[in-house]
Structures are given as C-alpha cells and as structure tokens.
Amino acid sequence: MTASWDKYARGADRWSDDAYADPRNYLARRAELVRSLGPRLAVGDVVLDLACGDGGLGEYLPDQLYTGVDASLEMVEAAKRRGRDVIQADLNEFEPAAPVQATTIFRAIYYARDRRALLARIGGYTEKKLVFDLNPRQYRPADVRADLMAAGFDRWEARPFFVPQTVAPSALLTRMLLVAESVKPVARLVLRARFTYMCSAFRSDSS
C-alpha cells in the first residue's frame, strides 16, 4: 500500500491534468451525472467525494458544497492549493460530522476492505444518493447491487460512460460515443472491452 501512496504523492500537483487527456470534458461529464443521475441534486446540497485526489471534480460542481476525502497527504495538500475543502482520512473509516446529500467514489471502489461494510457506512450518512463508477469486467454488477441492497439502497440507475480517460477524442468520435451510450446492444458490446458504468444508488423515499 505504501508504494501505491508514493505513486500518488509524486503526481499530486498535476493529478487531474495528467490523469485525464481532456480533464475539462471528462470531469464536466462526470459532474453532470453526479447532479442528474438518480435523484437530482439541488443548489447547496453537500457532495462528499471519497478518494478525491486533488479535488478536481469540485470545480465542476459550483452549485453544490463540495468536500473531499483522500488518504494521501500530498493529494490533500494539492487539493487545498486548488481551494478545495479536503480532509485526510481512510475512506473505510471516515464519517462526516453531519449527513451529506450525496457521496461519490470514483476509480477507488477497490480500496474497500469490505465492500458491503463500506457501502453500509456510506448509507448511514448519505441522504439522497451514492454515485460511483463500475467496471463490469472487474466486478459483477449483480454482486455490487446485492451489497447496495444490504446497505439500504433499494434503487439504482446505471448508464454507460464512454468518455476516454487517456485519449482526447475528436469531435466526431465524441458524438459517436455519446450515441453508443444510449443504444443498449451497442453499449453492452463496447463494455465488454472498455469503459465503465456510472451508477447512482438511492432509497425509494429519496427519489
């Protein structure tokens, strides 16, 4: 684990710039789904971003109150230099002082020591929804959904997210990928090889 944190420490100051070929497009699309997938967020809702890195997502949620959590001190310091409200903590153990409307966890669900226990913890302090990405080649969606149900999230929405992370596509390819997201047979075929789902888990009484 130390080697993993060392990797993040070395790249903390330029994490969002270097991790995404087109960080503005990638993070803006992600932020729009944080707002709209499942119960829609309102102005002033609190978004807790677990494993937030340098807090780059916060720039694209201007109408929400963004708080980040990351285990890497260097990432936390980089996020604070960006003007973000970020806390150093292990996502498996962290609980906010007050409930939040939304919790997000991106590219980090594998840090859960016990996924069902982590989801139950998140469910205890999240009022509207949990938004996360899911690689169906790494995790069976049915298994993750069972864990969500056990954590009290009885509803979920999932949609393909075909925004390349390490390549900046042309305008034409971007439009083609957007169309592919909405055509279920095509999306299922594409997801066998790459890309992820964006998922929103919530309770019936919060929809």
N, C-alpha and C. Protein backbone atom coordinates (compact mmCIF):
# COMPACT_ATOMS: atom_id res chain seq x y z
N MET A 1 0.83 -1.20 0.00
CA MET A 1 0.00 0.00 0.00
C MET A 1 0.87 1.26 0.00
N THR A 2 2.01 1.22 0.70
CA THR A 2 2.89 2.38 0.73
C THR A 2 3.32 2.78 -0.66
N ALA A 3 3.67 1.77 -1.50
CA ALA A 3 4.10 2.07 -2.86
C ALA A 3 2.99 2.76 -3.63
N SER A 4 1.74 2.35 -3.38
CA SER A 4 0.60 2.97 -4.05
C SER A 4 0.49 4.44 -3.68
N TRP A 5 0.59 4.75 -2.36
CA TRP A 5 0.51 6.15 -1.95
C TRP A 5 1.69 6.93 -2.49
N ASP A 6 2.89 6.32 -2.57
CA ASP A 6 4.05 7.00 -3.13
C ASP A 6 3.78 7.43 -4.57
N LYS A 7 3.13 6.56 -5.33
CA LYS A 7 2.80 6.89 -6.72
C LYS A 7 1.93 8.14 -6.78
N TYR A 8 0.93 8.21 -5.91
CA TYR A 8 0.05 9.37 -5.90
C TYR A 8 0.78 10.61 -5.40
N ALA A 9 1.66 10.43 -4.45
CA ALA A 9 2.40 11.57 -3.90
C ALA A 9 3.24 12.24 -4.98
N ARG A 10 3.87 11.44 -5.81
CA ARG A 10 4.75 12.00 -6.84
C ARG A 10 3.98 12.82 -7.86
N GLY A 11 2.74 12.48 -8.12
CA GLY A 11 1.99 13.18 -9.15
C GLY A 11 0.90 14.08 -8.64
N ALA A 12 0.90 14.39 -7.34
CA ALA A 12 -0.25 15.07 -6.74
C ALA A 12 -0.52 16.44 -7.34
N ASP A 13 0.51 17.23 -7.58
CA ASP A 13 0.29 18.60 -8.02
C ASP A 13 -0.35 18.70 -9.40
N ARG A 14 -0.18 17.69 -10.22
CA ARG A 14 -0.77 17.73 -11.57
C ARG A 14 -1.67 16.53 -11.80
N TRP A 15 -2.29 16.03 -10.73
CA TRP A 15 -3.04 14.78 -10.85
C TRP A 15 -4.14 14.86 -11.91
N SER A 16 -5.04 15.80 -11.81
CA SER A 16 -6.14 15.88 -12.78
C SER A 16 -5.63 16.17 -14.18
N ASP A 17 -4.63 17.03 -14.28
CA ASP A 17 -4.10 17.37 -15.60
C ASP A 17 -3.45 16.18 -16.28
N ASP A 18 -2.78 15.34 -15.49
CA ASP A 18 -2.05 14.21 -16.08
C ASP A 18 -2.88 12.93 -16.16
N ALA A 19 -3.87 12.79 -15.29
CA ALA A 19 -4.66 11.55 -15.26
C ALA A 19 -5.66 11.49 -16.41
N TYR A 20 -6.06 12.64 -16.94
CA TYR A 20 -7.08 12.71 -17.99
C TYR A 20 -6.52 13.47 -19.19
N ALA A 21 -6.73 12.89 -20.37
CA ALA A 21 -6.26 13.56 -21.58
C ALA A 21 -6.99 14.88 -21.80
N ASP A 22 -8.27 14.91 -21.45
CA ASP A 22 -9.08 16.12 -21.55
C ASP A 22 -9.83 16.29 -20.23
N PRO A 23 -9.14 16.78 -19.19
CA PRO A 23 -9.77 16.81 -17.87
C PRO A 23 -11.04 17.64 -17.81
N ARG A 24 -11.12 18.72 -18.58
CA ARG A 24 -12.32 19.55 -18.53
C ARG A 24 -13.53 18.77 -19.02
N ASN A 25 -13.40 18.11 -20.15
CA ASN A 25 -14.54 17.33 -20.68
C ASN A 25 -14.86 16.15 -19.78
N TYR A 26 -13.84 15.43 -19.35
CA TYR A 26 -14.06 14.22 -18.55
C TYR A 26 -14.75 14.57 -17.22
N LEU A 27 -14.20 15.55 -16.51
CA LEU A 27 -14.74 15.87 -15.20
C LEU A 27 -16.08 16.60 -15.29
N ALA A 28 -16.28 17.39 -16.34
CA ALA A 28 -17.57 18.05 -16.51
C ALA A 28 -18.67 17.04 -16.78
N ARG A 29 -18.40 16.04 -17.61
CA ARG A 29 -19.39 14.98 -17.86
C ARG A 29 -19.68 14.19 -16.60
N ARG A 30 -18.64 13.88 -15.84
CA ARG A 30 -18.83 13.16 -14.59
C ARG A 30 -19.68 13.99 -13.63
N ALA A 31 -19.37 15.27 -13.51
CA ALA A 31 -20.10 16.14 -12.59
C ALA A 31 -21.57 16.25 -12.98
N GLU A 32 -21.86 16.31 -14.27
CA GLU A 32 -23.25 16.40 -14.70
C GLU A 32 -24.03 15.16 -14.26
N LEU A 33 -23.41 14.00 -14.32
CA LEU A 33 -24.09 12.79 -13.88
C LEU A 33 -24.19 12.73 -12.36
N VAL A 34 -23.22 13.29 -11.66
CA VAL A 34 -23.35 13.39 -10.19
C VAL A 34 -24.61 14.18 -9.86
N ARG A 35 -24.86 15.24 -10.60
CA ARG A 35 -26.05 16.07 -10.34
C ARG A 35 -27.34 15.39 -10.76
N SER A 36 -27.32 14.70 -11.91
CA SER A 36 -28.58 14.32 -12.55
C SER A 36 -28.94 12.84 -12.48
N LEU A 37 -27.99 11.96 -12.27
CA LEU A 37 -28.29 10.53 -12.28
C LEU A 37 -28.92 10.15 -10.95
N GLY A 38 -30.12 9.55 -11.01
CA GLY A 38 -30.86 9.31 -9.77
C GLY A 38 -31.51 10.60 -9.31
N PRO A 39 -31.81 10.73 -8.01
CA PRO A 39 -32.42 11.98 -7.52
C PRO A 39 -31.53 13.18 -7.85
N ARG A 40 -32.12 14.23 -8.40
CA ARG A 40 -31.33 15.37 -8.83
C ARG A 40 -30.88 16.19 -7.62
N LEU A 41 -29.62 16.65 -7.67
CA LEU A 41 -29.11 17.47 -6.60
C LEU A 41 -29.64 18.90 -6.72
N ALA A 42 -29.84 19.53 -5.58
CA ALA A 42 -30.29 20.91 -5.54
C ALA A 42 -29.11 21.83 -5.25
N VAL A 43 -29.31 23.11 -5.52
CA VAL A 43 -28.30 24.11 -5.17
C VAL A 43 -28.07 24.05 -3.65
N GLY A 44 -26.81 24.01 -3.26
CA GLY A 44 -26.46 23.97 -1.85
C GLY A 44 -26.35 22.59 -1.25
N ASP A 45 -26.70 21.53 -2.00
CA ASP A 45 -26.52 20.17 -1.49
C ASP A 45 -25.03 19.89 -1.29
N VAL A 46 -24.74 19.12 -0.26
CA VAL A 46 -23.36 18.74 0.05
C VAL A 46 -22.99 17.47 -0.70
N VAL A 47 -21.86 17.52 -1.41
CA VAL A 47 -21.31 16.36 -2.10
C VAL A 47 -20.01 15.96 -1.41
N LEU A 48 -19.95 14.75 -0.90
CA LEU A 48 -18.75 14.21 -0.27
C LEU A 48 -18.06 13.30 -1.27
N ASP A 49 -16.85 13.65 -1.67
CA ASP A 49 -16.12 12.93 -2.71
C ASP A 49 -15.02 12.09 -2.06
N LEU A 50 -15.28 10.78 -1.91
CA LEU A 50 -14.30 9.88 -1.31
C LEU A 50 -13.21 9.53 -2.31
N ALA A 51 -11.96 9.44 -1.84
CA ALA A 51 -10.81 9.21 -2.71
C ALA A 51 -10.77 10.29 -3.79
N CYS A 52 -10.79 11.53 -3.34
CA CYS A 52 -11.00 12.67 -4.24
C CYS A 52 -9.77 13.09 -5.01
N GLY A 53 -8.59 12.55 -4.68
CA GLY A 53 -7.38 13.02 -5.35
C GLY A 53 -7.15 14.49 -5.07
N ASP A 54 -6.91 15.25 -6.13
CA ASP A 54 -6.64 16.68 -5.94
C ASP A 54 -7.90 17.53 -5.94
N GLY A 55 -9.06 16.89 -5.83
CA GLY A 55 -10.31 17.63 -5.74
C GLY A 55 -10.76 18.25 -7.04
N GLY A 56 -10.24 17.75 -8.18
CA GLY A 56 -10.58 18.34 -9.47
C GLY A 56 -12.06 18.36 -9.78
N LEU A 57 -12.81 17.38 -9.29
CA LEU A 57 -14.24 17.32 -9.56
C LEU A 57 -14.97 18.53 -8.99
N GLY A 58 -14.48 19.06 -7.88
CA GLY A 58 -15.16 20.17 -7.21
C GLY A 58 -15.33 21.39 -8.09
N GLU A 59 -14.41 21.60 -9.02
CA GLU A 59 -14.51 22.76 -9.92
C GLU A 59 -15.78 22.71 -10.76
N TYR A 60 -16.30 21.51 -11.01
CA TYR A 60 -17.42 21.34 -11.92
C TYR A 60 -18.74 21.14 -11.18
N LEU A 61 -18.72 21.38 -9.88
CA LEU A 61 -19.95 21.33 -9.08
C LEU A 61 -20.13 22.67 -8.35
N PRO A 62 -20.20 23.76 -9.10
CA PRO A 62 -20.22 25.08 -8.45
C PRO A 62 -21.46 25.36 -7.63
N ASP A 63 -22.56 24.67 -7.91
CA ASP A 63 -23.80 24.93 -7.19
C ASP A 63 -23.96 24.05 -5.95
N GLN A 64 -23.02 23.12 -5.77
CA GLN A 64 -23.07 22.24 -4.60
C GLN A 64 -21.92 22.59 -3.65
N LEU A 65 -22.03 22.14 -2.42
CA LEU A 65 -20.97 22.32 -1.43
C LEU A 65 -20.09 21.07 -1.46
N TYR A 66 -18.89 21.22 -1.96
CA TYR A 66 -18.00 20.09 -2.21
C TYR A 66 -17.04 19.89 -1.05
N THR A 67 -16.94 18.65 -0.58
CA THR A 67 -15.94 18.25 0.40
C THR A 67 -15.28 16.98 -0.09
N GLY A 68 -13.96 16.93 -0.03
CA GLY A 68 -13.24 15.75 -0.47
C GLY A 68 -12.58 15.03 0.70
N VAL A 69 -12.32 13.75 0.48
CA VAL A 69 -11.59 12.92 1.44
C VAL A 69 -10.56 12.12 0.67
N ASP A 70 -9.32 12.12 1.13
CA ASP A 70 -8.30 11.30 0.47
C ASP A 70 -7.29 10.85 1.51
N ALA A 71 -6.75 9.66 1.32
CA ALA A 71 -5.79 9.10 2.27
C ALA A 71 -4.38 9.66 2.08
N SER A 72 -4.11 10.22 0.90
CA SER A 72 -2.77 10.73 0.61
C SER A 72 -2.63 12.17 1.08
N LEU A 73 -1.67 12.42 1.96
CA LEU A 73 -1.42 13.78 2.44
C LEU A 73 -1.06 14.70 1.29
N GLU A 74 -0.28 14.19 0.35
CA GLU A 74 0.14 15.04 -0.78
C GLU A 74 -1.06 15.43 -1.65
N MET A 75 -2.00 14.50 -1.84
CA MET A 75 -3.21 14.83 -2.59
C MET A 75 -4.05 15.86 -1.85
N VAL A 76 -4.16 15.70 -0.55
CA VAL A 76 -4.93 16.65 0.25
C VAL A 76 -4.31 18.04 0.16
N GLU A 77 -3.00 18.12 0.25
CA GLU A 77 -2.34 19.42 0.15
C GLU A 77 -2.52 20.03 -1.23
N ALA A 78 -2.45 19.18 -2.28
CA ALA A 78 -2.65 19.68 -3.65
C ALA A 78 -4.08 20.19 -3.81
N ALA A 79 -5.04 19.48 -3.24
CA ALA A 79 -6.44 19.90 -3.32
C ALA A 79 -6.66 21.23 -2.60
N LYS A 80 -6.04 21.38 -1.47
CA LYS A 80 -6.18 22.64 -0.73
C LYS A 80 -5.58 23.80 -1.50
N ARG A 81 -4.49 23.54 -2.23
CA ARG A 81 -3.92 24.60 -3.07
C ARG A 81 -4.87 24.99 -4.20
N ARG A 82 -5.76 24.07 -4.58
CA ARG A 82 -6.79 24.39 -5.56
C ARG A 82 -7.99 25.10 -4.92
N GLY A 83 -7.96 25.27 -3.62
CA GLY A 83 -9.06 25.93 -2.93
C GLY A 83 -10.16 25.00 -2.49
N ARG A 84 -9.91 23.69 -2.45
CA ARG A 84 -10.92 22.72 -2.08
C ARG A 84 -10.91 22.46 -0.57
N ASP A 85 -12.06 22.10 -0.07
CA ASP A 85 -12.22 21.66 1.31
C ASP A 85 -12.01 20.15 1.33
N VAL A 86 -10.84 19.71 1.80
CA VAL A 86 -10.48 18.29 1.72
C VAL A 86 -9.89 17.84 3.05
N ILE A 87 -10.25 16.62 3.43
CA ILE A 87 -9.82 16.02 4.70
C ILE A 87 -8.98 14.79 4.40
N GLN A 88 -7.90 14.62 5.15
CA GLN A 88 -7.10 13.40 5.02
C GLN A 88 -7.70 12.31 5.89
N ALA A 89 -8.11 11.22 5.27
CA ALA A 89 -8.70 10.11 6.02
C ALA A 89 -8.81 8.89 5.12
N ASP A 90 -8.91 7.73 5.73
CA ASP A 90 -9.16 6.47 5.04
C ASP A 90 -10.66 6.39 4.75
N LEU A 91 -11.03 6.17 3.50
CA LEU A 91 -12.45 6.13 3.15
C LEU A 91 -13.20 5.01 3.87
N ASN A 92 -12.48 3.97 4.30
CA ASN A 92 -13.12 2.87 5.03
C ASN A 92 -13.56 3.27 6.43
N GLU A 93 -12.97 4.33 6.96
CA GLU A 93 -13.20 4.71 8.36
C GLU A 93 -13.87 6.06 8.51
N PHE A 94 -13.84 6.88 7.46
CA PHE A 94 -14.32 8.26 7.59
C PHE A 94 -15.83 8.34 7.72
N GLU A 95 -16.28 9.22 8.60
CA GLU A 95 -17.69 9.60 8.68
C GLU A 95 -17.74 11.12 8.86
N PRO A 96 -18.56 11.81 8.09
CA PRO A 96 -18.65 13.26 8.23
C PRO A 96 -19.35 13.63 9.54
N ALA A 97 -19.14 14.87 9.96
CA ALA A 97 -19.74 15.33 11.21
C ALA A 97 -21.26 15.45 11.11
N ALA A 98 -21.76 15.65 9.89
CA ALA A 98 -23.20 15.76 9.65
C ALA A 98 -23.54 15.02 8.37
N PRO A 99 -24.79 14.60 8.20
CA PRO A 99 -25.17 13.91 6.96
C PRO A 99 -24.91 14.76 5.73
N VAL A 100 -24.66 14.09 4.62
CA VAL A 100 -24.46 14.76 3.33
C VAL A 100 -25.57 14.31 2.38
N GLN A 101 -25.81 15.12 1.36
CA GLN A 101 -26.87 14.75 0.42
C GLN A 101 -26.37 13.71 -0.58
N ALA A 102 -25.11 13.81 -1.01
CA ALA A 102 -24.57 12.85 -1.98
C ALA A 102 -23.15 12.47 -1.60
N THR A 103 -22.82 11.22 -1.85
CA THR A 103 -21.45 10.73 -1.71
C THR A 103 -21.01 10.18 -3.05
N THR A 104 -19.77 10.46 -3.42
CA THR A 104 -19.23 9.91 -4.66
C THR A 104 -17.96 9.13 -4.35
N ILE A 105 -17.71 8.13 -5.18
CA ILE A 105 -16.46 7.39 -5.10
C ILE A 105 -16.11 6.91 -6.50
N PHE A 106 -15.04 7.47 -7.05
CA PHE A 106 -14.66 7.18 -8.43
C PHE A 106 -13.27 6.57 -8.50
N ARG A 107 -13.16 5.54 -9.33
CA ARG A 107 -11.88 4.87 -9.57
C ARG A 107 -11.24 4.41 -8.26
N ALA A 108 -12.07 4.03 -7.28
CA ALA A 108 -11.50 3.71 -5.97
C ALA A 108 -12.30 2.69 -5.19
N ILE A 109 -13.33 2.09 -5.77
CA ILE A 109 -14.13 1.15 -5.01
C ILE A 109 -13.29 -0.05 -4.55
N TYR A 110 -12.21 -0.31 -5.27
CA TYR A 110 -11.35 -1.44 -4.91
C TYR A 110 -10.55 -1.17 -3.63
N TYR A 111 -10.57 0.07 -3.12
CA TYR A 111 -9.91 0.35 -1.85
C TYR A 111 -10.75 -0.13 -0.65
N ALA A 112 -11.97 -0.55 -0.91
CA ALA A 112 -12.81 -1.03 0.19
C ALA A 112 -12.23 -2.31 0.78
N ARG A 113 -11.98 -2.31 2.07
CA ARG A 113 -11.51 -3.54 2.71
C ARG A 113 -12.64 -4.56 2.78
N ASP A 114 -13.87 -4.07 2.95
CA ASP A 114 -15.07 -4.90 2.95
C ASP A 114 -16.13 -4.06 2.24
N ARG A 115 -16.42 -4.38 1.00
CA ARG A 115 -17.28 -3.51 0.19
C ARG A 115 -18.65 -3.33 0.82
N ARG A 116 -19.24 -4.40 1.30
CA ARG A 116 -20.58 -4.29 1.88
C ARG A 116 -20.55 -3.41 3.12
N ALA A 117 -19.53 -3.55 3.94
CA ALA A 117 -19.42 -2.73 5.14
C ALA A 117 -19.22 -1.27 4.78
N LEU A 118 -18.39 -0.99 3.76
CA LEU A 118 -18.19 0.39 3.33
C LEU A 118 -19.48 1.00 2.83
N LEU A 119 -20.23 0.27 2.01
CA LEU A 119 -21.48 0.80 1.49
C LEU A 119 -22.49 1.04 2.61
N ALA A 120 -22.52 0.18 3.61
CA ALA A 120 -23.41 0.39 4.76
C ALA A 120 -23.01 1.65 5.52
N ARG A 121 -21.71 1.86 5.68
CA ARG A 121 -21.24 3.08 6.35
C ARG A 121 -21.67 4.32 5.57
N ILE A 122 -21.46 4.28 4.25
CA ILE A 122 -21.86 5.41 3.40
C ILE A 122 -23.37 5.64 3.49
N GLY A 123 -24.12 4.55 3.49
CA GLY A 123 -25.57 4.67 3.57
C GLY A 123 -26.04 5.32 4.86
N GLY A 124 -25.24 5.20 5.90
CA GLY A 124 -25.62 5.77 7.19
C GLY A 124 -25.56 7.29 7.23
N TYR A 125 -24.75 7.89 6.35
CA TYR A 125 -24.63 9.35 6.38
C TYR A 125 -25.03 10.04 5.07
N THR A 126 -25.53 9.27 4.09
CA THR A 126 -25.87 9.85 2.80
C THR A 126 -27.39 9.91 2.64
N GLU A 127 -27.93 11.10 2.42
CA GLU A 127 -29.37 11.29 2.41
C GLU A 127 -30.02 11.04 1.05
N LYS A 128 -29.37 11.47 -0.04
CA LYS A 128 -30.01 11.36 -1.35
C LYS A 128 -29.47 10.20 -2.19
N LYS A 129 -28.15 10.14 -2.37
CA LYS A 129 -27.64 9.12 -3.28
C LYS A 129 -26.14 8.94 -3.16
N LEU A 130 -25.70 7.77 -3.59
CA LEU A 130 -24.30 7.44 -3.78
C LEU A 130 -24.07 7.32 -5.29
N VAL A 131 -23.05 8.02 -5.80
CA VAL A 131 -22.72 7.95 -7.22
C VAL A 131 -21.31 7.40 -7.35
N PHE A 132 -21.14 6.39 -8.21
CA PHE A 132 -19.84 5.75 -8.35
C PHE A 132 -19.70 5.16 -9.75
N ASP A 133 -18.47 4.84 -10.12
CA ASP A 133 -18.25 4.16 -11.40
C ASP A 133 -18.02 2.68 -11.16
N LEU A 134 -18.38 1.88 -12.15
CA LEU A 134 -18.31 0.42 -12.01
C LEU A 134 -17.79 -0.17 -13.31
N ASN A 135 -16.68 -0.88 -13.19
CA ASN A 135 -16.09 -1.60 -14.33
C ASN A 135 -16.70 -3.00 -14.36
N PRO A 136 -17.56 -3.30 -15.33
CA PRO A 136 -18.23 -4.60 -15.32
C PRO A 136 -17.31 -5.76 -15.66
N ARG A 137 -16.11 -5.48 -16.11
CA ARG A 137 -15.14 -6.54 -16.37
C ARG A 137 -14.36 -6.89 -15.10
N GLN A 138 -14.47 -6.03 -14.10
CA GLN A 138 -13.79 -6.25 -12.83
C GLN A 138 -14.74 -6.72 -11.74
N TYR A 139 -15.97 -6.19 -11.75
CA TYR A 139 -16.96 -6.54 -10.74
C TYR A 139 -18.28 -6.89 -11.41
N ARG A 140 -18.93 -7.93 -10.92
CA ARG A 140 -20.25 -8.29 -11.43
C ARG A 140 -21.27 -7.29 -10.90
N PRO A 141 -21.98 -6.57 -11.79
CA PRO A 141 -22.99 -5.61 -11.32
C PRO A 141 -23.99 -6.22 -10.34
N ALA A 142 -24.38 -7.48 -10.56
CA ALA A 142 -25.34 -8.11 -9.65
C ALA A 142 -24.79 -8.23 -8.24
N ASP A 143 -23.49 -8.50 -8.10
CA ASP A 143 -22.88 -8.60 -6.78
C ASP A 143 -22.86 -7.24 -6.08
N VAL A 144 -22.51 -6.21 -6.84
CA VAL A 144 -22.47 -4.86 -6.26
C VAL A 144 -23.87 -4.42 -5.87
N ARG A 145 -24.85 -4.75 -6.70
CA ARG A 145 -26.22 -4.34 -6.37
C ARG A 145 -26.71 -5.06 -5.11
N ALA A 146 -26.33 -6.31 -4.95
CA ALA A 146 -26.71 -7.03 -3.73
C ALA A 146 -26.13 -6.36 -2.49
N ASP A 147 -24.88 -5.89 -2.59
CA ASP A 147 -24.27 -5.18 -1.48
C ASP A 147 -24.98 -3.86 -1.21
N LEU A 148 -25.39 -3.18 -2.27
CA LEU A 148 -26.13 -1.92 -2.11
C LEU A 148 -27.47 -2.15 -1.43
N MET A 149 -28.16 -3.20 -1.82
CA MET A 149 -29.44 -3.52 -1.20
C MET A 149 -29.25 -3.79 0.30
N ALA A 150 -28.20 -4.54 0.62
CA ALA A 150 -27.92 -4.84 2.03
C ALA A 150 -27.60 -3.57 2.81
N ALA A 151 -27.06 -2.56 2.12
CA ALA A 151 -26.71 -1.29 2.77
C ALA A 151 -27.90 -0.33 2.84
N GLY A 152 -29.06 -0.74 2.32
CA GLY A 152 -30.25 0.09 2.39
C GLY A 152 -30.57 0.86 1.14
N PHE A 153 -29.74 0.73 0.10
CA PHE A 153 -30.01 1.40 -1.17
C PHE A 153 -30.85 0.45 -2.03
N ASP A 154 -32.16 0.65 -2.06
CA ASP A 154 -33.03 -0.30 -2.76
C ASP A 154 -33.31 0.10 -4.21
N ARG A 155 -32.79 1.24 -4.65
CA ARG A 155 -32.97 1.67 -6.03
C ARG A 155 -31.60 2.00 -6.63
N TRP A 156 -31.49 1.77 -7.93
CA TRP A 156 -30.27 2.23 -8.58
C TRP A 156 -30.51 2.50 -10.04
N GLU A 157 -29.71 3.38 -10.59
CA GLU A 157 -29.67 3.65 -12.02
C GLU A 157 -28.23 3.50 -12.48
N ALA A 158 -28.05 2.91 -13.64
CA ALA A 158 -26.71 2.76 -14.20
C ALA A 158 -26.77 3.12 -15.67
N ARG A 159 -25.77 3.85 -16.13
CA ARG A 159 -25.71 4.19 -17.54
C ARG A 159 -24.26 4.13 -18.00
N PRO A 160 -24.03 3.73 -19.24
CA PRO A 160 -22.66 3.68 -19.75
C PRO A 160 -22.02 5.07 -19.74
N PHE A 161 -20.73 5.09 -19.53
CA PHE A 161 -19.96 6.33 -19.51
C PHE A 161 -18.78 6.15 -20.46
N PHE A 162 -18.96 6.61 -21.69
CA PHE A 162 -17.97 6.38 -22.74
C PHE A 162 -17.16 7.65 -23.01
N VAL A 163 -16.50 8.14 -21.98
CA VAL A 163 -15.59 9.28 -22.13
C VAL A 163 -14.18 8.75 -21.93
N PRO A 164 -13.34 8.76 -22.96
CA PRO A 164 -11.99 8.22 -22.80
C PRO A 164 -11.21 8.99 -21.74
N GLN A 165 -10.45 8.26 -20.96
CA GLN A 165 -9.67 8.89 -19.90
C GLN A 165 -8.30 9.34 -20.40
N THR A 166 -7.64 8.52 -21.20
CA THR A 166 -6.24 8.79 -21.55
C THR A 166 -6.07 9.27 -22.99
N VAL A 167 -7.16 9.41 -23.72
CA VAL A 167 -7.10 9.88 -25.11
C VAL A 167 -8.15 10.97 -25.27
N ALA A 168 -7.78 12.07 -25.90
CA ALA A 168 -8.73 13.14 -26.19
C ALA A 168 -9.35 12.87 -27.57
N PRO A 169 -10.61 12.43 -27.65
CA PRO A 169 -11.20 12.07 -28.94
C PRO A 169 -11.55 13.29 -29.78
N SER A 170 -11.68 13.05 -31.06
CA SER A 170 -12.13 14.11 -31.95
C SER A 170 -13.60 14.41 -31.67
N ALA A 171 -14.07 15.53 -32.22
CA ALA A 171 -15.48 15.89 -32.04
C ALA A 171 -16.39 14.82 -32.61
N LEU A 172 -16.01 14.26 -33.75
CA LEU A 172 -16.82 13.21 -34.38
C LEU A 172 -16.89 11.97 -33.50
N LEU A 173 -15.73 11.53 -32.99
CA LEU A 173 -15.71 10.34 -32.14
C LEU A 173 -16.49 10.59 -30.85
N THR A 174 -16.40 11.78 -30.30
CA THR A 174 -17.15 12.12 -29.10
C THR A 174 -18.65 11.95 -29.33
N ARG A 175 -19.13 12.46 -30.48
CA ARG A 175 -20.56 12.32 -30.80
C ARG A 175 -20.94 10.86 -30.97
N MET A 176 -20.08 10.07 -31.61
CA MET A 176 -20.36 8.65 -31.82
C MET A 176 -20.43 7.91 -30.48
N LEU A 177 -19.54 8.25 -29.56
CA LEU A 177 -19.54 7.60 -28.26
C LEU A 177 -20.79 7.97 -27.46
N LEU A 178 -21.24 9.21 -27.59
CA LEU A 178 -22.47 9.63 -26.91
C LEU A 178 -23.67 8.84 -27.42
N VAL A 179 -23.72 8.64 -28.73
CA VAL A 179 -24.80 7.85 -29.31
C VAL A 179 -24.70 6.41 -28.81
N ALA A 180 -23.49 5.86 -28.79
CA ALA A 180 -23.29 4.47 -28.36
C ALA A 180 -23.75 4.26 -26.92
N GLU A 181 -23.58 5.28 -26.07
CA GLU A 181 -24.03 5.15 -24.68
C GLU A 181 -25.52 4.87 -24.58
N SER A 182 -26.29 5.40 -25.51
CA SER A 182 -27.75 5.33 -25.42
C SER A 182 -28.35 4.15 -26.18
N VAL A 183 -27.54 3.41 -26.93
CA VAL A 183 -28.04 2.26 -27.69
C VAL A 183 -27.61 1.00 -26.93
N LYS A 184 -28.54 0.38 -26.23
CA LYS A 184 -28.19 -0.67 -25.27
C LYS A 184 -27.38 -1.82 -25.87
N PRO A 185 -27.77 -2.40 -27.02
CA PRO A 185 -26.97 -3.51 -27.55
C PRO A 185 -25.53 -3.09 -27.88
N VAL A 186 -25.39 -1.89 -28.43
CA VAL A 186 -24.05 -1.38 -28.74
C VAL A 186 -23.27 -1.13 -27.46
N ALA A 187 -23.93 -0.52 -26.48
CA ALA A 187 -23.25 -0.22 -25.22
C ALA A 187 -22.77 -1.50 -24.54
N ARG A 188 -23.61 -2.53 -24.52
CA ARG A 188 -23.19 -3.79 -23.89
C ARG A 188 -21.97 -4.38 -24.59
N LEU A 189 -21.94 -4.27 -25.90
CA LEU A 189 -20.81 -4.79 -26.67
C LEU A 189 -19.53 -4.01 -26.35
N VAL A 190 -19.64 -2.68 -26.32
CA VAL A 190 -18.48 -1.84 -26.02
C VAL A 190 -17.95 -2.12 -24.62
N LEU A 191 -18.87 -2.31 -23.67
CA LEU A 191 -18.47 -2.51 -22.28
C LEU A 191 -17.76 -3.84 -22.04
N ARG A 192 -17.85 -4.74 -22.98
CA ARG A 192 -17.08 -5.99 -22.86
C ARG A 192 -15.59 -5.73 -22.99
N ALA A 193 -15.23 -4.62 -23.65
CA ALA A 193 -13.82 -4.35 -23.93
C ALA A 193 -13.26 -3.21 -23.10
N ARG A 194 -14.06 -2.14 -22.87
CA ARG A 194 -13.55 -1.00 -22.12
C ARG A 194 -14.69 -0.11 -21.64
N PHE A 195 -14.32 0.95 -20.95
CA PHE A 195 -15.24 1.92 -20.37
C PHE A 195 -15.98 1.34 -19.16
N THR A 196 -16.81 2.18 -18.55
CA THR A 196 -17.46 1.82 -17.29
C THR A 196 -18.92 2.26 -17.29
N TYR A 197 -19.62 1.83 -16.27
CA TYR A 197 -20.94 2.38 -15.96
C TYR A 197 -20.76 3.50 -14.94
N MET A 198 -21.63 4.49 -15.02
CA MET A 198 -21.84 5.42 -13.92
C MET A 198 -23.12 4.97 -13.23
N CYS A 199 -23.06 4.85 -11.92
CA CYS A 199 -24.18 4.30 -11.16
C CYS A 199 -24.60 5.27 -10.07
N SER A 200 -25.90 5.31 -9.83
CA SER A 200 -26.47 6.07 -8.74
C SER A 200 -27.31 5.13 -7.90
N ALA A 201 -26.99 5.01 -6.62
CA ALA A 201 -27.74 4.16 -5.70
C ALA A 201 -28.46 5.05 -4.70
N PHE A 202 -29.74 4.75 -4.46
CA PHE A 202 -30.53 5.61 -3.59
C PHE A 202 -31.68 4.80 -2.99
N ARG A 203 -32.45 5.44 -2.14
CA ARG A 203 -33.57 4.78 -1.48
C ARG A 203 -34.87 5.24 -2.13
N SER A 204 -35.88 4.41 -2.09
CA SER A 204 -37.15 4.75 -2.72
C SER A 204 -37.72 6.07 -2.20
N ASP A 205 -37.53 6.33 -0.92
CA ASP A 205 -38.11 7.56 -0.36
C ASP A 205 -37.30 8.81 -0.64
N SER A 206 -36.15 8.65 -1.36
CA SER A 206 -35.35 9.83 -1.71
C SER A 206 -35.46 10.16 -3.20
N SER A 207 -36.18 9.34 -3.98
CA SER A 207 -36.28 9.56 -5.42
C SER A 207 -37.36 10.59 -5.75
